[in-house]
């Protein structure tokens, strides 16, 4: 177990360095040699864990997922309230917090590689499917308690993330802060509309 833990720790260290370089210089300019130079280690040590630059990119995509999954980590006080948990996740997704989890330029550069690399395509689909699945679980819990009026939680979660993907793709081009915040609030409102929350009056009938 100790060896595995050390291996995972080392791999994460190299992936983080690769990410840092990709943010600063662009994914196309990040390399194993530069990772080694940044960490002041021999390139052969990096290659012991990642034999190719491509394998580093695979690790980077998994790192993206780990970062994005942080939106589902909620304080303990949300544990007994599916409604509060769902609303908090929606708040997290449609906020600067989501956008700050991972650099857009690196994420889109990785995504672009999916059109030429089957493994990257599969890893990115897993990433997006996992985010949708976790949201669908929350929606299902709310539906079971009669909090939401939705027919298909999985389809609803998918539609919300279709909005998320499109929203941030467009917002990455918006430089005016007020316009950015206005549009983000509008997109959040549209996402909430997909959930069809049941009012307190309806619940008491």
Foldseek 3Di string as FASTA:
>chain_A
DVVVVVLVVVLVLLLVLQQVCCVVPNNVPRALVSSCVVVVHDSVVVCVNPVGSVSSLLVNLVVLLVLQCVLQDDDPVCVVPLVVSLVSSLVCLLDVNNPVSGPPRRVVVLVVCVVPDVSSVVSNVVSVLVQLVVSLVSLVVCVVVVFFDDDHSSVLSVVLVVLSVVLVVVLVPDDDPVVNNVSSVVSSVVSVVSGHTDDPVRVVD
